[in-house]
């Protein structure tokens, strides 16, 4: 009888503590929607929560995942890799970039693979001497892109295929970004007046 009572008390204590811990974590998550979004995108995209600093970028990628590939396409009916990168930069960073992967590459500062940060470009030379593919780095060696076989998706730079064809990383040139930020600040200033 004493064993049964003791086991019942232990079970009750465990259940009570577990319930309290769950309630506490729910309160914390719902209190900060940005953290909730970061945790969600972290789980969906397989990147560390610390890498998900730009929720707008991850939301954009999430909204486009599964869009079919179409050469020259520029909509959710079909899009190619460079148009996907251009749409992302236009809608997330208010920055216009080139119209194809080679043109985009000519407008970036080169970045070593180990120095990539979320929002940087990743370039590939697939069975060619020229750049043929571009994606946007999202953190933890993952990048978002429009693949010819599966449409918009997330891939890992460590996968054998991407490792084989990886060429370089790139970050938007500082003067382009500075000009865009200045324009954005002017717009905000005008809105306040």
Protein backbone atom coordinates (compact mmCIF):
# COMPACT_ATOMS: atom_id res chain seq x y z
CA UNK A 1 0.00 0.00 0.00
CA UNK A 2 2.80 2.45 0.89
CA UNK A 3 4.52 1.74 -2.45
CA UNK A 4 1.32 2.52 -4.35
CA UNK A 5 0.82 5.80 -2.51
CA UNK A 6 4.47 6.72 -3.03
CA UNK A 7 4.27 5.95 -6.78
CA UNK A 8 1.04 7.95 -7.07
CA UNK A 9 2.66 10.94 -5.35
CA UNK A 10 5.72 10.70 -7.62
CA UNK A 11 3.54 10.49 -10.76
CA UNK A 12 1.44 13.46 -9.62
CA UNK A 13 4.59 15.50 -8.93
CA UNK A 14 6.08 14.65 -12.34
CA UNK A 15 2.85 15.46 -14.16
CA UNK A 16 2.43 18.73 -12.24
CA UNK A 17 6.02 19.82 -12.94
CA UNK A 18 5.77 18.85 -16.64
CA UNK A 19 2.47 20.72 -17.00
CA UNK A 20 3.93 23.79 -15.30
CA UNK A 21 7.01 23.72 -17.57
CA UNK A 22 4.85 23.43 -20.70
CA UNK A 23 2.63 26.31 -19.58
CA UNK A 24 5.70 28.42 -18.82
CA UNK A 25 7.21 27.80 -22.27
CA UNK A 26 3.87 28.56 -23.98
CA UNK A 27 3.68 31.87 -22.16
CA UNK A 28 7.22 32.77 -23.22
CA UNK A 29 6.68 31.82 -26.88
CA UNK A 30 3.39 33.64 -27.31
CA UNK A 31 4.70 36.70 -25.50
CA UNK A 32 7.32 37.30 -28.23
CA UNK A 33 5.98 36.65 -31.76
CA UNK A 34 9.42 37.30 -33.31
CA UNK A 35 10.95 34.46 -31.27
CA UNK A 36 8.03 32.22 -32.18
CA UNK A 37 8.57 32.99 -35.89
CA UNK A 38 12.30 32.36 -35.57
CA UNK A 39 11.70 29.01 -33.86
CA UNK A 40 9.16 28.04 -36.52
CA UNK A 41 11.44 28.89 -39.46
CA UNK A 42 14.35 27.25 -37.68
CA UNK A 43 12.43 23.97 -37.50
CA UNK A 44 10.96 24.18 -41.02
CA UNK A 45 14.21 25.10 -42.75
CA UNK A 46 16.63 23.22 -40.56
CA UNK A 47 18.73 26.19 -39.50
CA UNK A 48 19.73 27.26 -36.01
CA UNK A 49 17.44 29.76 -34.28
CA UNK A 50 20.43 32.10 -34.01
CA UNK A 51 20.70 32.11 -37.83
CA UNK A 52 17.09 33.19 -38.33
CA UNK A 53 17.69 36.87 -37.68
CA UNK A 54 15.72 38.07 -40.71
CA UNK A 55 12.19 36.70 -40.29
CA UNK A 56 11.04 38.53 -43.43
CA UNK A 57 13.57 36.61 -45.55
CA UNK A 58 12.57 33.25 -44.06
CA UNK A 59 8.88 34.06 -44.55
CA UNK A 60 9.59 34.90 -48.21
CA UNK A 61 11.44 31.62 -48.76
CA UNK A 62 8.72 29.66 -46.98
CA UNK A 63 6.01 31.26 -49.13
CA UNK A 64 7.82 30.26 -52.35
CA UNK A 65 8.86 26.69 -51.45
CA UNK A 66 7.39 24.25 -53.98
CA UNK A 67 6.94 26.85 -56.74
CA UNK A 68 7.82 25.02 -59.98
CA UNK A 69 10.88 25.90 -62.02
CA UNK A 70 10.33 27.72 -65.29
CA UNK A 71 13.18 29.27 -67.30
CA UNK A 72 12.51 33.01 -67.49
CA UNK A 73 9.54 32.64 -65.13
CA UNK A 74 8.92 35.33 -62.56
CA UNK A 75 5.77 34.28 -60.69
CA UNK A 76 4.40 31.55 -58.45
CA UNK A 77 3.33 29.71 -61.62
CA UNK A 78 7.03 29.17 -62.31
CA UNK A 79 10.34 30.89 -61.62
CA UNK A 80 14.01 30.39 -62.39
CA UNK A 81 16.96 30.72 -60.01
CA UNK A 82 18.02 34.26 -60.83
CA UNK A 83 14.46 35.61 -60.80
CA UNK A 84 13.88 33.93 -57.42
CA UNK A 85 17.01 35.62 -56.02
CA UNK A 86 15.97 38.94 -57.59
CA UNK A 87 12.43 38.70 -56.17
CA UNK A 88 13.82 37.88 -52.72
CA UNK A 89 16.18 40.86 -52.78
CA UNK A 90 13.52 43.18 -54.13
CA UNK A 91 10.85 42.21 -51.60
CA UNK A 92 13.00 41.55 -48.53
CA UNK A 93 15.88 44.03 -48.89
CA UNK A 94 14.30 46.62 -51.26
CA UNK A 95 17.32 46.12 -53.51
CA UNK A 96 17.41 45.52 -57.26
CA UNK A 97 20.02 43.07 -58.47
CA UNK A 98 20.99 41.65 -61.87
CA UNK A 99 18.79 39.74 -64.27
CA UNK A 100 20.80 36.48 -64.46
CA UNK A 101 23.28 34.59 -62.30
CA UNK A 102 26.38 35.91 -64.13
CA UNK A 103 25.10 39.50 -63.96
CA UNK A 104 24.31 39.14 -60.25
CA UNK A 105 27.83 37.79 -59.67
CA UNK A 106 29.34 40.88 -61.30
CA UNK A 107 27.47 43.07 -58.77
CA UNK A 108 28.64 41.44 -55.54
CA UNK A 109 31.69 41.41 -53.29
CA UNK A 110 33.15 37.90 -53.30
CA UNK A 111 32.74 36.00 -50.02
CA UNK A 112 34.52 32.81 -48.93
CA UNK A 113 32.27 29.87 -48.17
CA UNK A 114 33.20 29.95 -44.48
CA UNK A 115 32.26 33.65 -44.24
CA UNK A 116 28.74 33.38 -45.68
CA UNK A 117 25.95 35.02 -43.69
CA UNK A 118 22.18 34.74 -44.25
CA UNK A 119 21.19 36.80 -47.28
CA UNK A 120 24.46 36.25 -49.17
CA UNK A 121 24.39 34.72 -52.64
CA UNK A 122 25.87 31.34 -53.51
CA UNK A 123 26.98 30.71 -57.10
CA UNK A 124 27.51 27.47 -58.99
CA UNK A 125 29.14 26.40 -62.24
CA UNK A 126 27.12 23.33 -63.16
CA UNK A 127 28.78 21.43 -66.01
CA UNK A 128 30.06 24.75 -67.39
CA UNK A 129 32.96 27.18 -67.22
CA UNK A 130 30.42 29.94 -66.55
CA UNK A 131 28.16 30.58 -63.59
CA UNK A 132 24.88 28.80 -64.28
CA UNK A 133 23.03 28.83 -60.95
CA UNK A 134 22.45 31.15 -58.00
CA UNK A 135 20.82 30.72 -54.61
CA UNK A 136 20.47 32.72 -51.40
CA UNK A 137 22.27 31.51 -48.28
CA UNK A 138 19.96 31.10 -45.26
CA UNK A 139 22.41 29.81 -42.63
CA UNK A 140 23.86 26.52 -41.37
CA UNK A 141 25.22 25.65 -44.85
CA UNK A 142 21.71 25.81 -46.34
CA UNK A 143 20.51 27.90 -49.26
CA UNK A 144 17.19 28.62 -50.95
CA UNK A 145 16.99 28.40 -54.72
CA UNK A 146 14.85 27.42 -57.69
CA UNK A 147 16.14 24.06 -58.90
CA UNK A 148 15.30 22.78 -62.37
CA UNK A 149 14.09 19.45 -60.98
CA UNK A 150 12.14 20.40 -57.84
CA UNK A 151 11.43 24.11 -58.11
CA UNK A 152 11.98 26.40 -55.13
CA UNK A 153 13.58 24.43 -52.34
CA UNK A 154 16.22 24.44 -49.64
CA UNK A 155 19.45 22.54 -50.21
CA UNK A 156 22.63 21.95 -48.26
CA UNK A 157 26.01 23.14 -49.54
CA UNK A 158 27.53 19.96 -48.06
CA UNK A 159 25.49 17.68 -50.36
CA UNK A 160 27.84 16.03 -52.87
CA UNK A 161 26.13 17.61 -55.91
CA UNK A 162 26.28 21.18 -54.62
CA UNK A 163 29.75 20.70 -53.17
CA UNK A 164 30.96 19.54 -56.57
CA UNK A 165 29.64 22.57 -58.48
CA UNK A 166 29.99 25.32 -55.85
CA UNK A 167 31.91 28.29 -57.24
CA UNK A 168 31.77 31.19 -54.80
CA UNK A 169 29.70 33.29 -52.43
CA UNK A 170 28.79 36.92 -52.87
CA UNK A 171 27.46 39.83 -50.87
CA UNK A 172 25.72 42.82 -52.42
CA UNK A 173 28.24 45.59 -53.08
CA UNK A 174 28.41 48.06 -50.22
CA UNK A 175 27.64 51.13 -52.36
CA UNK A 176 24.46 49.48 -53.73
CA UNK A 177 23.29 48.54 -50.25
CA UNK A 178 24.22 51.95 -48.85
CA UNK A 179 22.27 53.71 -51.62
CA UNK A 180 19.23 51.50 -50.98
CA UNK A 181 19.39 52.06 -47.23
CA UNK A 182 19.65 55.83 -47.77
CA UNK A 183 16.59 55.72 -50.05
CA UNK A 184 14.73 53.67 -47.45
CA UNK A 185 15.64 56.14 -44.68
CA UNK A 186 14.51 59.07 -46.87
CA UNK A 187 11.18 57.33 -47.48
CA UNK A 188 10.70 56.76 -43.76
CA UNK A 189 11.61 60.39 -43.04
CA UNK A 190 9.08 61.60 -45.62
CA UNK A 191 6.41 59.36 -44.10
CA UNK A 192 7.05 60.88 -40.66
CA UNK A 193 6.68 64.47 -41.95
